[in-house]
N, C-alpha and C. Protein backbone atom coordinates (compact mmCIF):
# COMPACT_ATOMS: atom_id res chain seq x y z
N MET A 1 0.63 -1.12 0.35
CA MET A 1 -0.16 0.11 0.12
C MET A 1 0.86 0.95 -0.05
N ILE A 2 0.59 2.41 -0.69
CA ILE A 2 1.09 3.41 -0.75
C ILE A 2 0.43 4.31 -0.20
N LEU A 3 1.28 5.61 0.35
CA LEU A 3 0.45 6.35 0.94
C LEU A 3 0.79 8.01 0.22
N LEU A 4 0.28 8.45 -0.46
CA LEU A 4 0.03 9.67 -1.02
C LEU A 4 -0.04 10.95 -0.35
N VAL A 5 0.46 12.08 0.15
CA VAL A 5 0.17 13.20 0.86
C VAL A 5 0.60 14.19 0.10
N THR A 6 -0.56 14.87 -0.02
CA THR A 6 -0.82 15.99 -1.11
C THR A 6 -2.01 16.80 -0.74
N PRO A 7 -2.10 18.10 -1.19
CA PRO A 7 -3.06 18.73 -1.06
C PRO A 7 -3.77 18.88 -2.40
N SER A 8 -3.07 18.56 -3.13
CA SER A 8 -2.86 19.11 -4.59
C SER A 8 -4.87 18.79 -5.28
N GLU A 9 -5.11 19.16 -6.48
CA GLU A 9 -6.60 18.79 -6.56
C GLU A 9 -6.17 17.59 -8.06
N ARG A 10 -4.74 17.30 -8.22
CA ARG A 10 -4.24 16.23 -9.01
C ARG A 10 -3.82 15.24 -8.10
N ALA A 11 -4.33 14.96 -6.86
CA ALA A 11 -4.36 13.90 -6.15
C ALA A 11 -4.81 12.84 -6.85
N SER A 12 -6.26 12.40 -7.17
CA SER A 12 -7.35 11.73 -7.84
C SER A 12 -6.27 10.84 -8.93
N GLU A 13 -5.82 11.94 -9.47
CA GLU A 13 -4.90 11.59 -11.00
C GLU A 13 -3.77 10.77 -10.52
N CYS A 14 -3.13 11.46 -9.70
CA CYS A 14 -1.59 10.66 -9.23
C CYS A 14 -2.11 9.46 -8.71
N ALA A 15 -2.65 9.43 -7.66
CA ALA A 15 -3.44 8.01 -7.28
C ALA A 15 -3.51 6.94 -7.83
N ALA A 16 -4.18 7.31 -9.03
CA ALA A 16 -4.55 6.49 -10.24
C ALA A 16 -3.59 5.94 -11.09
N ALA A 17 -2.58 7.19 -11.44
CA ALA A 17 -1.59 6.99 -12.09
C ALA A 17 -0.24 5.84 -10.91
N LEU A 18 -0.48 5.95 -10.02
CA LEU A 18 0.42 5.37 -9.21
C LEU A 18 -0.15 3.40 -8.94
N HIS A 19 -1.31 3.57 -8.40
CA HIS A 19 -1.97 2.02 -8.53
C HIS A 19 -1.62 1.47 -10.02
N GLU A 20 -2.06 2.50 -11.32
CA GLU A 20 -1.99 1.56 -12.28
C GLU A 20 -0.29 0.90 -12.53
N ALA A 21 0.85 1.88 -12.35
CA ALA A 21 2.13 1.53 -12.43
C ALA A 21 2.74 0.57 -11.44
N THR A 22 2.08 0.50 -10.36
CA THR A 22 2.55 -0.45 -9.16
C THR A 22 1.65 -1.47 -8.99
N GLY A 23 0.19 -1.86 -9.30
CA GLY A 23 -0.08 -2.38 -8.55
C GLY A 23 -0.91 -2.29 -7.27
N GLU A 24 -0.36 -1.14 -6.58
CA GLU A 24 -0.31 -1.56 -4.87
C GLU A 24 -1.63 -0.44 -4.95
N GLU A 25 -2.62 -0.48 -3.85
CA GLU A 25 -3.49 0.06 -3.36
C GLU A 25 -2.50 1.65 -2.70
N VAL A 26 -3.47 2.96 -3.21
CA VAL A 26 -2.75 4.16 -2.82
C VAL A 26 -3.99 4.78 -1.79
N VAL A 27 -3.59 5.30 -0.79
CA VAL A 27 -4.56 5.95 0.53
C VAL A 27 -4.00 7.49 -0.09
N VAL A 28 -4.93 8.29 -0.20
CA VAL A 28 -4.65 10.16 -0.48
C VAL A 28 -4.82 10.57 1.09
N ALA A 29 -3.69 11.41 1.48
CA ALA A 29 -4.23 11.94 2.58
C ALA A 29 -3.50 13.68 2.56
N GLU A 30 -4.68 14.58 2.47
CA GLU A 30 -4.58 15.64 1.99
C GLU A 30 -3.83 16.67 2.91
N SER A 31 -3.33 16.15 4.30
CA SER A 31 -2.51 17.17 4.94
C SER A 31 -1.34 16.23 5.76
N LEU A 32 -0.52 16.68 6.13
CA LEU A 32 0.76 15.99 6.89
C LEU A 32 0.01 15.26 8.14
N ALA A 33 -0.76 16.00 8.58
CA ALA A 33 -1.82 15.52 10.04
C ALA A 33 -2.40 14.35 9.89
N ARG A 34 -3.02 14.39 8.81
CA ARG A 34 -4.05 13.10 8.13
C ARG A 34 -2.83 12.02 7.97
N ALA A 35 -2.14 12.37 7.38
CA ALA A 35 -1.13 11.23 7.12
C ALA A 35 -0.21 10.53 8.53
N THR A 36 0.29 11.51 9.35
CA THR A 36 0.46 10.57 10.81
C THR A 36 -0.66 10.13 11.26
N THR A 37 -1.53 10.34 11.00
CA THR A 37 -3.19 9.07 11.64
C THR A 37 -2.95 8.37 11.20
N LEU A 38 -2.84 8.11 9.87
CA LEU A 38 -2.79 6.96 9.02
C LEU A 38 -2.07 6.19 9.11
N LEU A 39 -0.43 6.59 9.20
CA LEU A 39 0.65 6.03 9.57
C LEU A 39 0.67 5.50 10.85
N ARG A 40 -0.03 5.73 11.78
CA ARG A 40 -0.18 5.33 12.91
C ARG A 40 -1.21 4.07 13.00
N ALA A 41 -2.12 4.01 12.10
CA ALA A 41 -3.11 2.61 11.68
C ALA A 41 -2.35 1.96 11.06
N GLU A 42 -1.88 1.95 9.69
CA GLU A 42 -1.49 0.72 8.82
C GLU A 42 -0.12 0.95 8.55
N CYS A 43 0.41 0.21 8.09
CA CYS A 43 1.83 -0.23 7.54
C CYS A 43 1.93 0.14 5.72
N TYR A 44 2.92 1.13 5.51
CA TYR A 44 3.01 1.35 4.01
C TYR A 44 4.09 1.13 3.55
N LEU A 45 4.08 0.67 2.38
CA LEU A 45 5.16 0.44 1.57
C LEU A 45 6.06 1.58 1.13
N ALA A 46 5.41 2.49 0.55
CA ALA A 46 5.70 3.84 0.62
C ALA A 46 5.13 4.94 0.88
N VAL A 47 5.88 6.37 1.07
CA VAL A 47 4.64 6.90 1.69
C VAL A 47 5.32 8.46 0.90
N VAL A 48 4.55 8.97 -0.33
CA VAL A 48 4.78 10.15 -1.35
C VAL A 48 4.48 10.76 -0.91
N LEU A 49 5.33 11.95 -0.26
CA LEU A 49 5.42 13.40 0.05
C LEU A 49 5.33 14.42 -0.72
N ASP A 50 4.47 15.41 -0.93
CA ASP A 50 4.57 16.47 -1.85
C ASP A 50 5.63 17.68 -1.05
N GLU A 51 6.46 18.13 -1.59
CA GLU A 51 7.42 18.80 -1.13
C GLU A 51 6.82 20.16 -0.65
N TYR A 52 6.00 20.66 -1.24
CA TYR A 52 5.09 21.77 -0.99
C TYR A 52 4.49 21.83 0.77
N LEU A 53 4.23 20.69 1.23
CA LEU A 53 3.55 20.32 2.35
C LEU A 53 5.24 20.44 3.42
N LEU A 54 5.95 19.85 3.22
CA LEU A 54 7.56 19.73 3.71
C LEU A 54 8.09 20.96 3.70
N GLU A 55 7.87 21.86 3.00
CA GLU A 55 8.48 23.21 3.04
C GLU A 55 7.62 24.18 4.22
N THR A 56 6.19 23.57 3.92
CA THR A 56 5.51 24.95 4.42
C THR A 56 4.75 24.53 5.79
N GLU A 57 5.22 23.31 6.36
CA GLU A 57 4.57 22.53 7.33
C GLU A 57 5.85 21.86 8.28
N PRO A 58 7.09 22.67 8.74
CA PRO A 58 8.13 21.75 8.93
C PRO A 58 7.63 21.14 9.97
N HIS A 59 7.33 22.15 11.00
CA HIS A 59 7.21 20.96 12.43
C HIS A 59 6.46 19.76 12.29
N GLU A 60 5.43 19.80 11.26
CA GLU A 60 4.56 18.49 10.90
C GLU A 60 4.99 17.89 10.38
N ALA A 61 5.63 18.05 9.48
CA ALA A 61 6.80 16.93 8.71
C ALA A 61 7.38 16.14 9.44
N GLY A 62 8.13 16.95 10.20
CA GLY A 62 8.75 16.15 11.14
C GLY A 62 8.33 14.78 11.93
N THR A 63 7.16 15.38 12.65
CA THR A 63 6.13 14.33 12.89
C THR A 63 5.53 12.87 12.04
N THR A 64 5.36 13.73 10.93
CA THR A 64 4.78 12.68 10.10
C THR A 64 6.13 11.50 9.49
N LEU A 65 7.30 12.44 9.23
CA LEU A 65 8.56 11.34 9.19
C LEU A 65 9.06 10.37 10.39
N GLU A 66 8.75 10.98 11.45
CA GLU A 66 9.10 9.95 12.93
C GLU A 66 7.94 8.72 12.73
N HIS A 67 6.63 8.69 12.20
CA HIS A 67 5.83 7.46 12.23
C HIS A 67 5.94 7.20 10.81
N LEU A 68 6.95 7.28 9.81
CA LEU A 68 7.25 5.90 8.84
C LEU A 68 7.08 4.46 8.96
N GLY A 69 7.84 4.47 10.07
CA GLY A 69 8.31 2.81 10.03
C GLY A 69 8.91 2.38 9.33
N THR A 70 8.38 1.32 8.50
CA THR A 70 9.49 0.75 7.37
C THR A 70 8.90 1.38 5.95
N ALA A 71 8.00 2.38 6.03
CA ALA A 71 7.72 2.71 4.75
C ALA A 71 9.13 3.56 4.11
N ILE A 72 8.90 3.70 2.63
CA ILE A 72 10.04 4.38 2.75
C ILE A 72 9.56 5.65 1.74
N PRO A 73 10.40 6.69 2.00
CA PRO A 73 9.57 8.05 1.47
C PRO A 73 9.94 8.46 0.53
N VAL A 74 9.09 9.10 -0.19
CA VAL A 74 9.57 9.86 -1.71
C VAL A 74 9.42 11.00 -1.57
N GLN A 75 10.20 12.01 -1.90
CA GLN A 75 9.59 13.20 -2.15
C GLN A 75 9.66 13.57 -3.61
N VAL A 76 8.40 14.29 -3.76
CA VAL A 76 8.39 15.28 -5.33
C VAL A 76 7.60 16.05 -5.33
N ASN A 77 8.04 17.28 -6.03
CA ASN A 77 7.17 18.13 -5.84
C ASN A 77 6.35 17.89 -7.55
N LEU A 78 4.98 17.75 -6.66
CA LEU A 78 3.95 17.40 -7.76
C LEU A 78 3.43 18.77 -8.33
N ALA A 79 3.81 20.11 -7.98
CA ALA A 79 3.39 21.13 -8.83
C ALA A 79 4.18 21.27 -10.30
N ILE A 80 5.59 20.57 -10.14
CA ILE A 80 6.24 20.56 -11.29
C ILE A 80 6.40 19.04 -12.06
N SER A 81 5.87 17.92 -11.05
CA SER A 81 6.73 17.05 -11.91
C SER A 81 5.04 15.98 -12.36
N GLY A 82 5.60 15.72 -13.61
CA GLY A 82 4.38 15.11 -14.34
C GLY A 82 4.04 13.69 -14.01
N MET A 83 2.91 13.23 -14.59
CA MET A 83 2.83 11.65 -13.79
C MET A 83 3.86 10.58 -14.15
N GLU A 84 4.53 10.99 -15.20
CA GLU A 84 5.72 10.02 -15.44
C GLU A 84 6.73 9.99 -14.60
N ARG A 85 7.48 10.95 -14.41
CA ARG A 85 8.11 11.37 -13.21
C ARG A 85 7.84 10.78 -11.73
N LEU A 86 6.69 11.18 -11.16
CA LEU A 86 6.36 10.55 -9.91
C LEU A 86 6.30 8.91 -10.21
N VAL A 87 5.69 8.75 -11.01
CA VAL A 87 6.21 7.18 -11.17
C VAL A 87 6.95 6.48 -11.41
N ARG A 88 7.98 7.28 -12.08
CA ARG A 88 9.24 6.88 -12.07
C ARG A 88 9.82 6.43 -10.74
N GLU A 89 9.60 7.90 -10.21
CA GLU A 89 10.15 8.18 -9.12
C GLU A 89 10.13 6.96 -7.72
N VAL A 90 8.55 6.59 -7.49
CA VAL A 90 7.93 5.78 -7.07
C VAL A 90 8.70 4.48 -7.18
N ARG A 91 8.59 4.14 -8.67
CA ARG A 91 9.06 2.72 -8.71
C ARG A 91 10.67 2.41 -8.10
N ALA A 92 11.18 3.52 -8.41
CA ALA A 92 12.60 3.61 -8.36
C ALA A 92 13.23 3.19 -6.36
N ALA A 93 12.02 4.07 -6.11
CA ALA A 93 12.48 3.85 -4.68
C ALA A 93 11.84 2.36 -4.11
N MET A 94 11.12 1.91 -4.33
CA MET A 94 10.36 0.82 -4.28
C MET A 94 11.50 -0.50 -4.82
N GLN A 95 12.01 -0.25 -6.02
CA GLN A 95 13.29 -1.21 -6.27
C GLN A 95 14.35 -1.21 -5.68
N ARG A 96 14.65 0.41 -5.18
CA ARG A 96 15.84 0.40 -3.69
C ARG A 96 15.44 -0.53 -2.83
N ARG A 97 14.26 -0.28 -2.26
CA ARG A 97 13.89 -0.75 -0.89
C ARG A 97 13.71 -2.48 -1.02
N GLN A 98 13.30 -2.94 -1.99
CA GLN A 98 13.27 -4.53 -2.72
C GLN A 98 14.82 -5.21 -2.48
N ARG A 99 15.76 -4.24 -3.06
CA ARG A 99 17.16 -4.66 -3.06
C ARG A 99 17.33 -4.81 -1.56
N GLU A 100 17.38 -3.69 -0.84
CA GLU A 100 17.75 -3.43 0.38
C GLU A 100 17.43 -4.78 1.52
N GLU A 101 16.15 -4.89 1.19
CA GLU A 101 15.43 -6.10 1.81
C GLU A 101 16.44 -7.47 1.29
N VAL A 102 16.36 -8.07 0.21
CA VAL A 102 17.03 -8.83 -0.23
C VAL A 102 18.67 -9.10 0.71
N LYS A 103 19.08 -8.32 0.37
CA LYS A 103 20.38 -8.01 1.05
C LYS A 103 20.54 -7.98 2.60
N ALA A 104 19.39 -7.24 3.01
CA ALA A 104 19.40 -7.62 4.50
C ALA A 104 19.31 -9.11 5.10
N ARG A 105 18.20 -9.70 4.36
CA ARG A 105 17.84 -11.11 4.53
C ARG A 105 19.19 -11.70 4.39
N GLN A 106 19.91 -11.48 3.45
CA GLN A 106 20.80 -12.52 3.21
C GLN A 106 22.01 -12.73 4.04
N ALA A 107 22.09 -10.92 4.08
CA ALA A 107 23.25 -11.16 5.31
C ALA A 107 22.66 -11.61 6.84
N ALA A 108 21.37 -11.67 7.14
CA ALA A 108 20.87 -12.27 8.61
C ALA A 108 20.94 -13.92 8.13
N VAL A 109 20.70 -14.32 7.07
CA VAL A 109 20.74 -15.55 6.69
C VAL A 109 22.28 -16.18 7.43
N GLY A 110 23.13 -15.33 6.47
CA GLY A 110 24.46 -15.82 6.69
C GLY A 110 25.16 -15.90 8.11
N ARG A 111 24.59 -14.72 8.93
CA ARG A 111 25.03 -14.81 9.91
C ARG A 111 24.63 -15.95 10.83
N LEU A 112 23.26 -16.19 10.58
CA LEU A 112 22.48 -17.17 11.19
C LEU A 112 23.25 -18.30 11.03
N HIS A 113 23.66 -18.51 9.60
CA HIS A 113 24.08 -19.97 9.14
C HIS A 113 25.57 -20.18 9.68
N SER A 114 26.41 -19.12 10.11
CA SER A 114 27.46 -19.16 10.84
C SER A 114 27.55 -19.65 12.35
N GLU A 115 26.59 -19.22 12.88
CA GLU A 115 26.63 -19.13 14.23
C GLU A 115 26.12 -20.58 14.63
N LEU A 116 24.77 -21.55 14.01
CA LEU A 116 24.42 -22.75 13.97
C LEU A 116 25.71 -23.58 13.63
N ASN A 117 26.50 -23.45 12.62
CA ASN A 117 27.62 -24.10 12.25
C ASN A 117 28.73 -24.02 13.80
N GLY A 118 29.01 -23.02 14.44
CA GLY A 118 29.86 -23.38 15.30
C GLY A 118 28.76 -24.37 16.58
N THR A 119 27.97 -24.30 16.64
CA THR A 119 26.95 -24.37 17.55
C THR A 119 26.89 -26.53 17.18
N VAL A 120 26.73 -26.64 15.96
CA VAL A 120 26.84 -28.13 16.08
C VAL A 120 28.07 -28.78 15.74
N THR A 121 29.32 -27.95 15.49
CA THR A 121 30.54 -28.06 15.75
C THR A 121 30.76 -28.51 17.28
N ALA A 122 30.27 -27.66 17.86
CA ALA A 122 30.75 -27.99 19.42
C ALA A 122 29.98 -29.11 19.95
N LEU A 123 28.67 -29.26 19.36
CA LEU A 123 27.63 -30.43 20.30
C LEU A 123 28.33 -31.47 19.40
N LEU A 124 28.79 -31.72 18.25
CA LEU A 124 29.45 -33.16 17.76
C LEU A 124 30.94 -33.17 18.30
N LEU A 125 31.76 -32.45 18.67
CA LEU A 125 33.05 -32.42 19.80
C LEU A 125 32.15 -32.70 21.16
N SER A 126 31.38 -32.54 21.51
CA SER A 126 30.95 -32.60 23.28
C SER A 126 30.73 -34.44 22.86
N ILE A 127 29.53 -34.66 21.86
CA ILE A 127 29.07 -35.96 21.96
C ILE A 127 30.08 -36.84 21.93
N GLU A 128 31.04 -36.68 20.94
CA GLU A 128 32.57 -37.26 20.75
C GLU A 128 33.00 -37.53 21.94
N LEU A 129 33.51 -36.54 22.69
CA LEU A 129 33.76 -36.78 23.90
C LEU A 129 33.45 -37.45 25.17
N ALA A 130 32.28 -37.38 24.99
CA ALA A 130 31.52 -38.08 25.64
C ALA A 130 31.58 -39.68 25.45
N LEU A 131 31.42 -39.90 23.97
CA LEU A 131 31.59 -41.39 23.47
C LEU A 131 32.91 -42.01 24.15
N GLU A 132 33.60 -41.44 24.07
CA GLU A 132 35.11 -41.58 24.54
C GLU A 132 35.28 -42.11 26.36
N THR A 133 34.20 -41.63 26.90
CA THR A 133 34.52 -41.75 28.40
C THR A 133 34.58 -43.27 28.89
N PRO A 134 35.25 -43.64 29.36
CA PRO A 134 35.50 -45.26 30.15
C PRO A 134 34.27 -45.40 30.96
N GLY A 135 33.59 -46.87 30.77
CA GLY A 135 32.66 -47.56 31.47
C GLY A 135 31.70 -46.73 31.01
N LEU A 136 31.33 -46.20 30.47
CA LEU A 136 29.73 -45.74 29.96
C LEU A 136 28.98 -46.86 29.42
N PRO A 137 27.91 -46.69 30.43
CA PRO A 137 26.52 -47.67 30.85
C PRO A 137 25.90 -47.66 28.79
N ALA A 138 25.60 -49.07 28.38
CA ALA A 138 25.53 -49.46 27.13
C ALA A 138 24.04 -48.10 26.76
N ALA A 139 23.49 -47.89 28.14
CA ALA A 139 22.25 -47.48 27.56
C ALA A 139 22.56 -46.00 27.02
N ALA A 140 23.20 -45.38 27.79
CA ALA A 140 23.90 -44.02 27.87
C ALA A 140 24.89 -44.06 26.36
N ASN A 141 25.43 -45.20 25.69
CA ASN A 141 26.09 -44.87 24.61
C ASN A 141 25.06 -44.87 23.53
N GLU A 142 24.10 -45.37 23.66
CA GLU A 142 23.29 -45.96 22.30
C GLU A 142 22.43 -44.32 22.55
N LYS A 143 22.08 -43.96 23.26
CA LYS A 143 21.63 -42.45 23.32
C LYS A 143 22.59 -41.56 22.61
N LEU A 144 23.59 -41.52 23.03
CA LEU A 144 24.39 -40.55 23.02
C LEU A 144 24.59 -40.81 21.11
N GLN A 145 24.86 -42.21 20.75
CA GLN A 145 24.55 -42.32 19.43
C GLN A 145 23.88 -41.84 18.49
N SER A 146 22.48 -41.88 18.98
CA SER A 146 21.67 -41.50 18.25
C SER A 146 21.69 -40.02 18.35
N VAL A 147 21.83 -39.30 19.24
CA VAL A 147 22.11 -37.77 19.12
C VAL A 147 23.19 -37.35 18.48
N HIS A 148 24.51 -38.34 18.29
CA HIS A 148 25.32 -37.64 17.21
C HIS A 148 25.04 -37.54 16.00
N GLU A 149 24.06 -39.12 15.66
CA GLU A 149 23.70 -39.07 14.44
C GLU A 149 22.46 -37.74 13.90
N LEU A 150 21.90 -37.37 14.88
CA LEU A 150 20.70 -36.41 14.48
C LEU A 150 22.02 -35.08 14.39
N VAL A 151 22.87 -34.95 15.06
CA VAL A 151 23.45 -33.43 15.24
C VAL A 151 24.35 -33.96 13.46
N LYS A 152 24.72 -35.06 13.39
CA LYS A 152 25.66 -34.92 11.71
C LYS A 152 24.56 -34.83 10.48
N LYS A 153 23.11 -35.09 10.68
CA LYS A 153 22.28 -34.80 9.72
C LYS A 153 21.84 -33.18 9.79
N LEU A 154 21.94 -32.64 11.15
CA LEU A 154 21.54 -31.28 11.11
C LEU A 154 22.83 -30.60 10.21
N ARG A 155 23.69 -31.17 10.54
CA ARG A 155 25.19 -30.48 10.00
C ARG A 155 24.96 -30.64 7.99
N LYS A 156 24.63 -31.66 8.38
CA LYS A 156 24.51 -32.31 6.40
C LYS A 156 23.19 -31.31 6.00
N GLN A 157 22.53 -30.61 6.95
CA GLN A 157 21.03 -30.16 6.19
C GLN A 157 21.63 -28.39 6.10
N LEU A 158 22.51 -27.99 7.27
CA LEU A 158 23.08 -26.63 6.85
C LEU A 158 23.93 -26.86 5.67
N GLU A 159 25.12 -27.83 5.44
CA GLU A 159 25.71 -27.59 4.34
C GLU A 159 25.22 -27.34 3.32
N SER A 160 23.50 -28.46 3.16
CA SER A 160 23.35 -28.48 1.96
C SER A 160 22.52 -26.64 1.60
N ALA A 161 22.16 -26.59 2.57
CA ALA A 161 21.28 -25.03 2.63
C ALA A 161 22.43 -23.73 2.39
N GLY A 162 23.44 -23.78 2.64
CA GLY A 162 24.46 -22.79 2.28
C GLY A 162 24.18 -21.62 3.29
N PRO A 163 24.92 -20.41 2.86
CA PRO A 163 24.63 -19.05 3.50
C PRO A 163 23.33 -18.72 2.90
N THR A 164 22.80 -19.17 1.64
CA THR A 164 21.99 -18.56 1.35
C THR A 164 20.26 -18.94 1.94
N GLY A 165 20.46 -20.12 2.93
CA GLY A 165 18.65 -20.45 3.62
C GLY A 165 18.47 -21.52 2.81
N GLU A 166 18.67 -22.05 1.21
CA GLU A 166 17.33 -22.10 0.81
C GLU A 166 18.29 -23.81 0.82
N ALA A 167 17.77 -24.81 1.65
CA ALA A 167 17.82 -26.16 2.08
C ALA A 167 17.44 -26.81 0.85
N GLU A 168 18.29 -28.48 1.01
CA GLU A 168 17.54 -29.08 0.15
C GLU A 168 17.11 -30.64 1.09
N PRO A 169 16.12 -31.07 1.24
CA PRO A 169 16.15 -32.05 2.14
C PRO A 169 17.13 -33.58 2.38
N VAL A 170 17.64 -33.76 3.25
CA VAL A 170 18.39 -34.89 3.50
C VAL A 170 17.86 -35.69 3.67
N ALA A 171 18.47 -37.22 3.36
CA ALA A 171 17.59 -38.29 3.74
C ALA A 171 17.98 -38.73 5.36
N GLY A 172 17.64 -39.26 6.13
CA GLY A 172 17.45 -39.82 7.27
C GLY A 172 19.00 -40.32 7.58
N PRO A 173 19.50 -40.61 9.20
CA PRO A 173 21.03 -41.35 9.19
C PRO A 173 21.12 -42.37 8.86
């Protein structure tokens, strides 16, 4: 969903152009105060802000910007911008956001993968040391062997997933 913030008479025309170009629902707010209210109630993908409002109401603009959440702000001078430029600016901002989200997700998955590998290695080492304990009861040895196989299976799953997180199914032990 996109929030278009403008007092312009062209607001409905701009909203229609954005909807047609992006496929996203477009909500129009005629003031920054209304935009802030809407931002408190909903999450938006992008917030298109008419520069006229930002310049004429700087205090209210600050309040609105504080409530953007994860929405990407797009500032446009609707008094001089045509529909093509508006659409181009919003599309570019949405594509930037999408690329940033992909990079952030990949970084998070990579970190998690690395941490899990460290934990799996520690588990395997601990189990192997426990299995070498002299006089270990047969029942305990059997249970440790079972846990060892499960951890090895987990390691294979992590290796097949790689740092991208796209795992392939791994056969049982």
